Amino acid sequence: MFDHHCTACDRRQLIFPSQVTRIDNTDHGIEVAFGCWCGSQQIHLTGRRADRRRLTHAA
């Protein structure tokens, strides 16, 4: 579980493992794709290589 600020509904939500649809290891970090409670598909970038300056974006 992690918290995320949704770019579609502009709300901070708790995201549960059941909402995660994909996890990809990229050169920029780990991309976690999931469905927000509002129905919007989102991507959260995390991990050691994550560029913390990059904004989380909608899928």
PDB file of N, CA and C in Angstrom:
ATOM      1  N   MET A   1       0.847  -1.154   0.000  1.00  0.00           N
ATOM      2  CA  MET A   1       0.000   0.000   0.000  1.00  0.00           C
ATOM      3  C   MET A   1       0.907   1.236   0.000  1.00  0.00           C
ATOM      4  N   PHE A   2       0.509   2.245  -0.785  1.00  0.00           N
ATOM      5  CA  PHE A   2       1.216   3.513  -0.792  1.00  0.00           C
ATOM      6  C   PHE A   2       0.224   4.630  -1.066  1.00  0.00           C
ATOM      7  N   ASP A   3       0.632   5.864  -0.765  1.00  0.00           N
ATOM      8  CA  ASP A   3      -0.264   6.981  -1.057  1.00  0.00           C
ATOM      9  C   ASP A   3       0.166   7.634  -2.362  1.00  0.00           C
ATOM     10  N   HIS A   4      -0.804   8.215  -3.053  1.00  0.00           N
ATOM     11  CA  HIS A   4      -0.557   8.796  -4.366  1.00  0.00           C
ATOM     12  C   HIS A   4      -1.485   9.982  -4.578  1.00  0.00           C
ATOM     13  N   HIS A   5      -0.949  11.038  -5.193  1.00  0.00           N
ATOM     14  CA  HIS A   5      -1.781  12.182  -5.560  1.00  0.00           C
ATOM     15  C   HIS A   5      -2.205  12.003  -7.015  1.00  0.00           C
ATOM     16  N   CYS A   6      -3.482  11.811  -7.254  1.00  0.00           N
ATOM     17  CA  CYS A   6      -4.014  11.542  -8.585  1.00  0.00           C
ATOM     18  C   CYS A   6      -4.050  12.819  -9.419  1.00  0.00           C
ATOM     19  N   THR A   7      -3.556  12.731 -10.648  1.00  0.00           N
ATOM     20  CA  THR A   7      -3.560  13.882 -11.545  1.00  0.00           C
ATOM     21  C   THR A   7      -4.937  14.096 -12.167  1.00  0.00           C
ATOM     22  N   ALA A   8      -5.816  13.121 -12.102  1.00  0.00           N
ATOM     23  CA  ALA A   8      -7.152  13.248 -12.697  1.00  0.00           C
ATOM     24  C   ALA A   8      -8.152  13.847 -11.708  1.00  0.00           C
ATOM     25  N   CYS A   9      -8.236  13.291 -10.517  1.00  0.00           N
ATOM     26  CA  CYS A   9      -9.227  13.764  -9.545  1.00  0.00           C
ATOM     27  C   CYS A   9      -8.638  14.754  -8.535  1.00  0.00           C
ATOM     28  N   ASP A  10      -7.316  14.963  -8.584  1.00  0.00           N
ATOM     29  CA  ASP A  10      -6.612  15.919  -7.724  1.00  0.00           C
ATOM     30  C   ASP A  10      -6.815  15.604  -6.236  1.00  0.00           C
ATOM     31  N   ARG A  11      -6.827  14.293  -5.918  1.00  0.00           N
ATOM     32  CA  ARG A  11      -6.977  13.860  -4.528  1.00  0.00           C
ATOM     33  C   ARG A  11      -5.821  12.944  -4.160  1.00  0.00           C
ATOM     34  N   ARG A  12      -5.460  12.963  -2.904  1.00  0.00           N
ATOM     35  CA  ARG A  12      -4.456  12.041  -2.384  1.00  0.00           C
ATOM     36  C   ARG A  12      -5.188  10.801  -1.887  1.00  0.00           C
ATOM     37  N   GLN A  13      -4.787   9.629  -2.435  1.00  0.00           N
ATOM     38  CA  GLN A  13      -5.490   8.386  -2.151  1.00  0.00           C
ATOM     39  C   GLN A  13      -4.508   7.308  -1.703  1.00  0.00           C
ATOM     40  N   LEU A  14      -4.988   6.369  -0.903  1.00  0.00           N
ATOM     41  CA  LEU A  14      -4.210   5.176  -0.596  1.00  0.00           C
ATOM     42  C   LEU A  14      -4.445   4.173  -1.717  1.00  0.00           C
ATOM     43  N   ILE A  15      -3.363   3.608  -2.248  1.00  0.00           N
ATOM     44  CA  ILE A  15      -3.442   2.628  -3.328  1.00  0.00           C
ATOM     45  C   ILE A  15      -3.088   1.259  -2.747  1.00  0.00           C
ATOM     46  N   PHE A  16      -3.956   0.297  -2.964  1.00  0.00           N
ATOM     47  CA  PHE A  16      -3.775  -1.047  -2.433  1.00  0.00           C
ATOM     48  C   PHE A  16      -3.210  -1.979  -3.513  1.00  0.00           C
ATOM     49  N   PRO A  17      -2.561  -3.076  -3.125  1.00  0.00           N
ATOM     50  CA  PRO A  17      -1.986  -4.008  -4.103  1.00  0.00           C
ATOM     51  C   PRO A  17      -2.999  -4.499  -5.145  1.00  0.00           C
ATOM     52  N   SER A  18      -4.244  -4.609  -4.772  1.00  0.00           N
ATOM     53  CA  SER A  18      -5.263  -5.087  -5.715  1.00  0.00           C
ATOM     54  C   SER A  18      -5.520  -4.087  -6.848  1.00  0.00           C
ATOM     55  N   GLN A  19      -5.100  -2.837  -6.682  1.00  0.00           N
ATOM     56  CA  GLN A  19      -5.288  -1.814  -7.711  1.00  0.00           C
ATOM     57  C   GLN A  19      -4.129  -1.773  -8.712  1.00  0.00           C
ATOM     58  N   VAL A  20      -3.011  -2.403  -8.381  1.00  0.00           N
ATOM     59  CA  VAL A  20      -1.828  -2.396  -9.251  1.00  0.00           C
ATOM     60  C   VAL A  20      -2.079  -3.299 -10.452  1.00  0.00           C
ATOM     61  N   THR A  21      -1.800  -2.765 -11.646  1.00  0.00           N
ATOM     62  CA  THR A  21      -2.025  -3.521 -12.879  1.00  0.00           C
ATOM     63  C   THR A  21      -0.727  -3.925 -13.562  1.00  0.00           C
ATOM     64  N   ARG A  22       0.364  -3.225 -13.251  1.00  0.00           N
ATOM     65  CA  ARG A  22       1.639  -3.536 -13.910  1.00  0.00           C
ATOM     66  C   ARG A  22       2.789  -2.932 -13.112  1.00  0.00           C
ATOM     67  N   ILE A  23       3.927  -3.641 -13.099  1.00  0.00           N
ATOM     68  CA  ILE A  23       5.163  -3.126 -12.509  1.00  0.00           C
ATOM     69  C   ILE A  23       6.270  -3.356 -13.525  1.00  0.00           C
ATOM     70  N   ASP A  24       6.942  -2.270 -13.930  1.00  0.00           N
ATOM     71  CA  ASP A  24       8.029  -2.359 -14.911  1.00  0.00           C
ATOM     72  C   ASP A  24       9.295  -1.751 -14.339  1.00  0.00           C
ATOM     73  N   ASN A  25      10.413  -2.470 -14.481  1.00  0.00           N
ATOM     74  CA  ASN A  25      11.710  -1.957 -14.082  1.00  0.00           C
ATOM     75  C   ASN A  25      12.314  -1.243 -15.292  1.00  0.00           C
ATOM     76  N   THR A  26      12.516   0.077 -15.209  1.00  0.00           N
ATOM     77  CA  THR A  26      13.036   0.861 -16.325  1.00  0.00           C
ATOM     78  C   THR A  26      14.361   1.503 -15.942  1.00  0.00           C
ATOM     79  N   ASP A  27      14.978   2.172 -16.893  1.00  0.00           N
ATOM     80  CA  ASP A  27      16.220   2.898 -16.620  1.00  0.00           C
ATOM     81  C   ASP A  27      16.006   4.072 -15.674  1.00  0.00           C
ATOM     82  N   HIS A  28      14.763   4.543 -15.570  1.00  0.00           N
ATOM     83  CA  HIS A  28      14.452   5.698 -14.735  1.00  0.00           C
ATOM     84  C   HIS A  28      13.975   5.304 -13.345  1.00  0.00           C
ATOM     85  N   GLY A  29      13.741   4.033 -13.126  1.00  0.00           N
ATOM     86  CA  GLY A  29      13.233   3.546 -11.851  1.00  0.00           C
ATOM     87  C   GLY A  29      12.141   2.516 -12.082  1.00  0.00           C
ATOM     88  N   ILE A  30      11.419   2.208 -11.049  1.00  0.00           N
ATOM     89  CA  ILE A  30      10.341   1.227 -11.121  1.00  0.00           C
ATOM     90  C   ILE A  30       9.030   1.964 -11.367  1.00  0.00           C
ATOM     91  N   GLU A  31       8.354   1.624 -12.461  1.00  0.00           N
ATOM     92  CA  GLU A  31       7.063   2.218 -12.778  1.00  0.00           C
ATOM     93  C   GLU A  31       5.960   1.284 -12.289  1.00  0.00           C
ATOM     94  N   VAL A  32       5.115   1.806 -11.417  1.00  0.00           N
ATOM     95  CA  VAL A  32       3.986   1.052 -10.889  1.00  0.00           C
ATOM     96  C   VAL A  32       2.717   1.640 -11.508  1.00  0.00           C
ATOM     97  N   ALA A  33       2.046   0.862 -12.350  1.00  0.00           N
ATOM     98  CA  ALA A  33       0.799   1.301 -12.974  1.00  0.00           C
ATOM     99  C   ALA A  33      -0.365   0.765 -12.150  1.00  0.00           C
ATOM    100  N   PHE A  34      -1.387   1.591 -11.987  1.00  0.00           N
ATOM    101  CA  PHE A  34      -2.527   1.202 -11.159  1.00  0.00           C
ATOM    102  C   PHE A  34      -3.742   2.032 -11.531  1.00  0.00           C
ATOM    103  N   GLY A  35      -4.884   1.599 -11.071  1.00  0.00           N
ATOM    104  CA  GLY A  35      -6.129   2.335 -11.247  1.00  0.00           C
ATOM    105  C   GLY A  35      -6.461   3.095  -9.981  1.00  0.00           C
ATOM    106  N   CYS A  36      -6.664   4.403 -10.109  1.00  0.00           N
ATOM    107  CA  CYS A  36      -7.062   5.233  -8.968  1.00  0.00           C
ATOM    108  C   CYS A  36      -8.504   4.907  -8.599  1.00  0.00           C
ATOM    109  N   TRP A  37      -8.911   5.326  -7.438  1.00  0.00           N
ATOM    110  CA  TRP A  37     -10.294   5.124  -6.996  1.00  0.00           C
ATOM    111  C   TRP A  37     -11.280   5.829  -7.913  1.00  0.00           C
ATOM    112  N   CYS A  38     -10.840   6.883  -8.610  1.00  0.00           N
ATOM    113  CA  CYS A  38     -11.737   7.613  -9.514  1.00  0.00           C
ATOM    114  C   CYS A  38     -11.858   6.922 -10.873  1.00  0.00           C
ATOM    115  N   GLY A  39     -11.049   5.873 -11.104  1.00  0.00           N
ATOM    116  CA  GLY A  39     -11.102   5.143 -12.363  1.00  0.00           C
ATOM    117  C   GLY A  39      -9.981   5.489 -13.325  1.00  0.00           C
ATOM    118  N   SER A  40      -9.219   6.530 -13.042  1.00  0.00           N
ATOM    119  CA  SER A  40      -8.121   6.954 -13.898  1.00  0.00           C
ATOM    120  C   SER A  40      -6.921   6.015 -13.750  1.00  0.00           C
ATOM    121  N   GLN A  41      -6.291   5.691 -14.872  1.00  0.00           N
ATOM    122  CA  GLN A  41      -5.067   4.894 -14.841  1.00  0.00           C
ATOM    123  C   GLN A  41      -3.892   5.828 -14.557  1.00  0.00           C
ATOM    124  N   GLN A  42      -3.067   5.483 -13.588  1.00  0.00           N
ATOM    125  CA  GLN A  42      -1.952   6.312 -13.150  1.00  0.00           C
ATOM    126  C   GLN A  42      -0.665   5.500 -13.148  1.00  0.00           C
ATOM    127  N   ILE A  43       0.469   6.198 -13.143  1.00  0.00           N
ATOM    128  CA  ILE A  43       1.780   5.556 -13.014  1.00  0.00           C
ATOM    129  C   ILE A  43       2.564   6.289 -11.941  1.00  0.00           C
ATOM    130  N   HIS A  44       3.148   5.511 -11.029  1.00  0.00           N
ATOM    131  CA  HIS A  44       3.960   6.050  -9.940  1.00  0.00           C
ATOM    132  C   HIS A  44       5.388   5.565 -10.143  1.00  0.00           C
ATOM    133  N   LEU A  45       6.359   6.466 -10.136  1.00  0.00           N
ATOM    134  CA  LEU A  45       7.761   6.117 -10.318  1.00  0.00           C
ATOM    135  C   LEU A  45       8.434   6.028  -8.951  1.00  0.00           C
ATOM    136  N   THR A  46       9.119   4.915  -8.705  1.00  0.00           N
ATOM    137  CA  THR A  46       9.759   4.706  -7.413  1.00  0.00           C
ATOM    138  C   THR A  46      11.065   3.941  -7.610  1.00  0.00           C
ATOM    139  N   GLY A  47      11.758   3.641  -6.539  1.00  0.00           N
ATOM    140  CA  GLY A  47      12.999   2.883  -6.606  1.00  0.00           C
ATOM    141  C   GLY A  47      14.233   3.767  -6.512  1.00  0.00           C
ATOM    142  N   ARG A  48      15.406   3.144  -6.396  1.00  0.00           N
ATOM    143  CA  ARG A  48      16.667   3.880  -6.257  1.00  0.00           C
ATOM    144  C   ARG A  48      16.971   4.789  -7.428  1.00  0.00           C
ATOM    145  N   ARG A  49      16.630   4.361  -8.642  1.00  0.00           N
ATOM    146  CA  ARG A  49      16.931   5.143  -9.840  1.00  0.00           C
ATOM    147  C   ARG A  49      15.874   6.195 -10.148  1.00  0.00           C
ATOM    148  N   ALA A  50      14.833   6.239  -9.371  1.00  0.00           N
ATOM    149  CA  ALA A  50      13.728   7.169  -9.663  1.00  0.00           C
ATOM    150  C   ALA A  50      14.217   8.604  -9.603  1.00  0.00           C
ATOM    151  N   ASP A  51      13.901   9.346 -10.637  1.00  0.00           N
ATOM    152  CA  ASP A  51      14.201  10.766 -10.679  1.00  0.00           C
ATOM    153  C   ASP A  51      13.071  11.466  -9.927  1.00  0.00           C
ATOM    154  N   ARG A  52      13.322  11.884  -8.707  1.00  0.00           N
ATOM    155  CA  ARG A  52      12.277  12.450  -7.849  1.00  0.00           C
ATOM    156  C   ARG A  52      11.709  13.750  -8.402  1.00  0.00           C
ATOM    157  N   ARG A  53      12.378  14.346  -9.371  1.00  0.00           N
ATOM    158  CA  ARG A  53      11.878  15.579  -9.965  1.00  0.00           C
ATOM    159  C   ARG A  53      10.812  15.318 -11.012  1.00  0.00           C
ATOM    160  N   ARG A  54      10.777  14.088 -11.545  1.00  0.00           N
ATOM    161  CA  ARG A  54       9.756  13.755 -12.555  1.00  0.00           C
ATOM    162  C   ARG A  54       8.394  13.705 -11.897  1.00  0.00           C
ATOM    163  N   LEU A  55       7.411  14.244 -12.551  1.00  0.00           N
ATOM    164  CA  LEU A  55       6.058  14.221 -12.022  1.00  0.00           C
ATOM    165  C   LEU A  55       5.408  12.880 -12.313  1.00  0.00           C
ATOM    166  N   THR A  56       4.561  12.452 -11.407  1.00  0.00           N
ATOM    167  CA  THR A  56       3.753  11.267 -11.668  1.00  0.00           C
ATOM    168  C   THR A  56       2.768  11.631 -12.757  1.00  0.00           C
ATOM    169  N   HIS A  57       2.527  10.742 -13.688  1.00  0.00           N
ATOM    170  CA  HIS A  57       1.680  11.056 -14.830  1.00  0.00           C
ATOM    171  C   HIS A  57       0.598  10.003 -15.024  1.00  0.00           C
ATOM    172  N   ALA A  58      -0.420  10.400 -15.701  1.00  0.00           N
ATOM    173  CA  ALA A  58      -1.503   9.480 -16.029  1.00  0.00           C
ATOM    174  C   ALA A  58      -1.048   8.559 -17.156  1.00  0.00           C
ATOM    175  N   ALA A  59      -1.518   7.341 -17.133  1.00  0.00           N
ATOM    176  CA  ALA A  59      -1.143   6.357 -18.155  1.00  0.00           C
ATOM    177  C   ALA A  59      -1.889   6.590 -19.440  1.00  0.00           C
TER     178      ALA A  59
END
